[in-house]
């Protein structure tokens, strides 16, 4: 994992079957658009998280394509229906080829 890049995810520990829950994600990432120049006048290469996905038990819940205008430390909040006990898998894709992952289990209770 690249230095300073850290995903954080908040998912309830349990839910009722069929309940809609709120999921919050944040990834610490500097997000460079590729349009700025350094002190020597050289273009700073683009470096953004360009895609974020969330799957539940292998089924896609959300798939977001991001563009250079995305803010530093992108935050996503979304809802998902929990049909059964399982695991949410979160994946962030970086321009440099790095992939950052996190997973959270949820119980039916």
C-alpha atoms as a PDB file:
ATOM      1  CA  UNK A   1       0.000   0.000   0.000  1.00  0.00           C
ATOM      2  CA  UNK A   2       1.380   3.411  -0.944  1.00  0.00           C
ATOM      3  CA  UNK A   3       2.547   5.616   1.866  1.00  0.00           C
ATOM      4  CA  UNK A   4      -0.234   7.651   3.452  1.00  0.00           C
ATOM      5  CA  UNK A   5      -3.084   5.943   1.582  1.00  0.00           C
ATOM      6  CA  UNK A   6      -5.521   4.490   4.084  1.00  0.00           C
ATOM      7  CA  UNK A   7      -9.123   3.371   3.561  1.00  0.00           C
ATOM      8  CA  UNK A   8     -11.679   3.656   6.369  1.00  0.00           C
ATOM      9  CA  UNK A   9     -15.096   2.013   6.288  1.00  0.00           C
ATOM     10  CA  UNK A  10     -18.082   2.142   8.637  1.00  0.00           C
ATOM     11  CA  UNK A  11     -20.686  -0.651   8.359  1.00  0.00           C
ATOM     12  CA  UNK A  12     -23.128  -1.716  11.112  1.00  0.00           C
ATOM     13  CA  UNK A  13     -22.101  -4.982  12.804  1.00  0.00           C
ATOM     14  CA  UNK A  14     -25.599  -6.429  12.331  1.00  0.00           C
ATOM     15  CA  UNK A  15     -28.890  -5.768  10.568  1.00  0.00           C
ATOM     16  CA  UNK A  16     -32.238  -7.450  10.028  1.00  0.00           C
ATOM     17  CA  UNK A  17     -32.665  -9.457   6.825  1.00  0.00           C
ATOM     18  CA  UNK A  18     -33.898  -7.062   4.138  1.00  0.00           C
ATOM     19  CA  UNK A  19     -32.889  -3.958   6.117  1.00  0.00           C
ATOM     20  CA  UNK A  20     -31.417  -0.974   4.296  1.00  0.00           C
ATOM     21  CA  UNK A  21     -28.219   0.194   5.980  1.00  0.00           C
ATOM     22  CA  UNK A  22     -25.960   3.211   5.497  1.00  0.00           C
ATOM     23  CA  UNK A  23     -22.324   2.607   4.604  1.00  0.00           C
ATOM     24  CA  UNK A  24     -19.646   5.293   4.903  1.00  0.00           C
ATOM     25  CA  UNK A  25     -16.215   5.112   3.287  1.00  0.00           C
ATOM     26  CA  UNK A  26     -13.245   7.448   3.184  1.00  0.00           C
ATOM     27  CA  UNK A  27      -9.821   6.928   1.680  1.00  0.00           C
ATOM     28  CA  UNK A  28      -6.921   9.196   2.594  1.00  0.00           C
ATOM     29  CA  UNK A  29      -5.295  10.006  -0.743  1.00  0.00           C
ATOM     30  CA  UNK A  30      -3.766  13.290  -2.022  1.00  0.00           C
ATOM     31  CA  UNK A  31      -5.527  13.125  -5.448  1.00  0.00           C
ATOM     32  CA  UNK A  32      -3.349  15.034  -7.927  1.00  0.00           C
ATOM     33  CA  UNK A  33      -5.257  16.175 -11.051  1.00  0.00           C
ATOM     34  CA  UNK A  34      -2.252  16.243 -13.406  1.00  0.00           C
ATOM     35  CA  UNK A  35      -2.892  19.923 -14.202  1.00  0.00           C
ATOM     36  CA  UNK A  36      -0.637  21.561 -11.612  1.00  0.00           C
ATOM     37  CA  UNK A  37       3.065  22.313 -11.940  1.00  0.00           C
ATOM     38  CA  UNK A  38       5.813  21.898  -9.364  1.00  0.00           C
ATOM     39  CA  UNK A  39       8.232  24.691  -8.335  1.00  0.00           C
ATOM     40  CA  UNK A  40      10.436  23.924 -11.380  1.00  0.00           C
ATOM     41  CA  UNK A  41       7.509  24.272 -13.795  1.00  0.00           C
ATOM     42  CA  UNK A  42       7.165  20.536 -14.453  1.00  0.00           C
ATOM     43  CA  UNK A  43       3.685  19.055 -14.625  1.00  0.00           C
ATOM     44  CA  UNK A  44       2.890  16.958 -11.553  1.00  0.00           C
ATOM     45  CA  UNK A  45       1.656  13.578 -12.852  1.00  0.00           C
ATOM     46  CA  UNK A  46      -2.000  12.707 -12.364  1.00  0.00           C
ATOM     47  CA  UNK A  47      -2.524  10.466  -9.355  1.00  0.00           C
ATOM     48  CA  UNK A  48      -6.119   9.839  -8.394  1.00  0.00           C
ATOM     49  CA  UNK A  49      -8.292   7.060  -7.122  1.00  0.00           C
ATOM     50  CA  UNK A  50     -10.090   6.471 -10.432  1.00  0.00           C
ATOM     51  CA  UNK A  51     -12.620   3.819  -9.392  1.00  0.00           C
ATOM     52  CA  UNK A  52     -14.365   2.639  -6.238  1.00  0.00           C
ATOM     53  CA  UNK A  53     -16.440  -0.539  -5.936  1.00  0.00           C
ATOM     54  CA  UNK A  54     -18.376  -2.270  -3.201  1.00  0.00           C
ATOM     55  CA  UNK A  55     -19.591  -5.870  -3.423  1.00  0.00           C
ATOM     56  CA  UNK A  56     -21.711  -7.875  -0.996  1.00  0.00           C
ATOM     57  CA  UNK A  57     -21.138 -11.645  -1.074  1.00  0.00           C
ATOM     58  CA  UNK A  58     -19.758 -11.273  -4.600  1.00  0.00           C
ATOM     59  CA  UNK A  59     -22.646  -9.142  -5.939  1.00  0.00           C
ATOM     60  CA  UNK A  60     -21.903  -5.553  -6.961  1.00  0.00           C
ATOM     61  CA  UNK A  61     -23.541  -2.875  -4.800  1.00  0.00           C
ATOM     62  CA  UNK A  62     -21.858   0.250  -6.207  1.00  0.00           C
ATOM     63  CA  UNK A  63     -19.283   0.991  -8.910  1.00  0.00           C
ATOM     64  CA  UNK A  64     -18.075   4.592  -9.210  1.00  0.00           C
ATOM     65  CA  UNK A  65     -15.718   5.983 -11.860  1.00  0.00           C
ATOM     66  CA  UNK A  66     -13.874   9.078 -10.642  1.00  0.00           C
ATOM     67  CA  UNK A  67     -12.412  11.903 -12.714  1.00  0.00           C
ATOM     68  CA  UNK A  68      -9.517  14.301 -11.959  1.00  0.00           C
ATOM     69  CA  UNK A  69     -11.884  16.855 -10.379  1.00  0.00           C
ATOM     70  CA  UNK A  70     -12.565  14.487  -7.446  1.00  0.00           C
ATOM     71  CA  UNK A  71     -11.534  15.952  -4.104  1.00  0.00           C
ATOM     72  CA  UNK A  72      -8.647  14.875  -1.923  1.00  0.00           C
ATOM     73  CA  UNK A  73      -9.612  12.045   0.461  1.00  0.00           C
ATOM     74  CA  UNK A  74     -12.781  10.961  -1.383  1.00  0.00           C
ATOM     75  CA  UNK A  75     -15.738  10.149   0.877  1.00  0.00           C
ATOM     76  CA  UNK A  76     -18.727   8.053  -0.178  1.00  0.00           C
ATOM     77  CA  UNK A  77     -21.921   7.439   1.764  1.00  0.00           C
ATOM     78  CA  UNK A  78     -24.513   5.108   0.289  1.00  0.00           C
ATOM     79  CA  UNK A  79     -27.217   2.648   1.278  1.00  0.00           C
ATOM     80  CA  UNK A  80     -27.404  -1.077   0.676  1.00  0.00           C
ATOM     81  CA  UNK A  81     -30.017  -3.705   1.452  1.00  0.00           C
ATOM     82  CA  UNK A  82     -28.734  -6.638   3.486  1.00  0.00           C
ATOM     83  CA  UNK A  83     -30.521  -9.812   2.304  1.00  0.00           C
ATOM     84  CA  UNK A  84     -28.422 -12.200   4.401  1.00  0.00           C
ATOM     85  CA  UNK A  85     -25.367 -12.460   6.611  1.00  0.00           C
ATOM     86  CA  UNK A  86     -22.201 -11.802   4.686  1.00  0.00           C
ATOM     87  CA  UNK A  87     -19.307  -9.568   3.847  1.00  0.00           C
ATOM     88  CA  UNK A  88     -18.984  -6.229   2.116  1.00  0.00           C
ATOM     89  CA  UNK A  89     -15.779  -5.881   0.099  1.00  0.00           C
ATOM     90  CA  UNK A  90     -14.550  -2.379  -0.738  1.00  0.00           C
ATOM     91  CA  UNK A  91     -11.970  -1.722  -3.453  1.00  0.00           C
ATOM     92  CA  UNK A  92     -10.283   1.508  -4.530  1.00  0.00           C
ATOM     93  CA  UNK A  93      -8.236   1.602  -7.763  1.00  0.00           C
ATOM     94  CA  UNK A  94      -5.330   4.067  -8.094  1.00  0.00           C
ATOM     95  CA  UNK A  95      -3.905   5.495 -11.342  1.00  0.00           C
ATOM     96  CA  UNK A  96      -0.512   4.012 -10.436  1.00  0.00           C
ATOM     97  CA  UNK A  97      -1.973   0.494 -10.508  1.00  0.00           C
ATOM     98  CA  UNK A  98      -2.279   0.168  -6.745  1.00  0.00           C
ATOM     99  CA  UNK A  99      -5.442  -1.442  -5.394  1.00  0.00           C
ATOM    100  CA  UNK A 100      -6.613  -0.754  -1.840  1.00  0.00           C
ATOM    101  CA  UNK A 101      -9.095  -3.096  -0.185  1.00  0.00           C
ATOM    102  CA  UNK A 102     -11.080  -3.419   2.995  1.00  0.00           C
ATOM    103  CA  UNK A 103     -13.835  -5.838   4.035  1.00  0.00           C
ATOM    104  CA  UNK A 104     -16.499  -5.734   6.741  1.00  0.00           C
ATOM    105  CA  UNK A 105     -18.728  -8.592   7.859  1.00  0.00           C
ATOM    106  CA  UNK A 106     -22.338  -8.035   8.820  1.00  0.00           C
ATOM    107  CA  UNK A 107     -24.475 -10.416  10.849  1.00  0.00           C
ATOM    108  CA  UNK A 108     -28.237 -10.891  10.709  1.00  0.00           C
ATOM    109  CA  UNK A 109     -29.647 -10.274  14.137  1.00  0.00           C
END
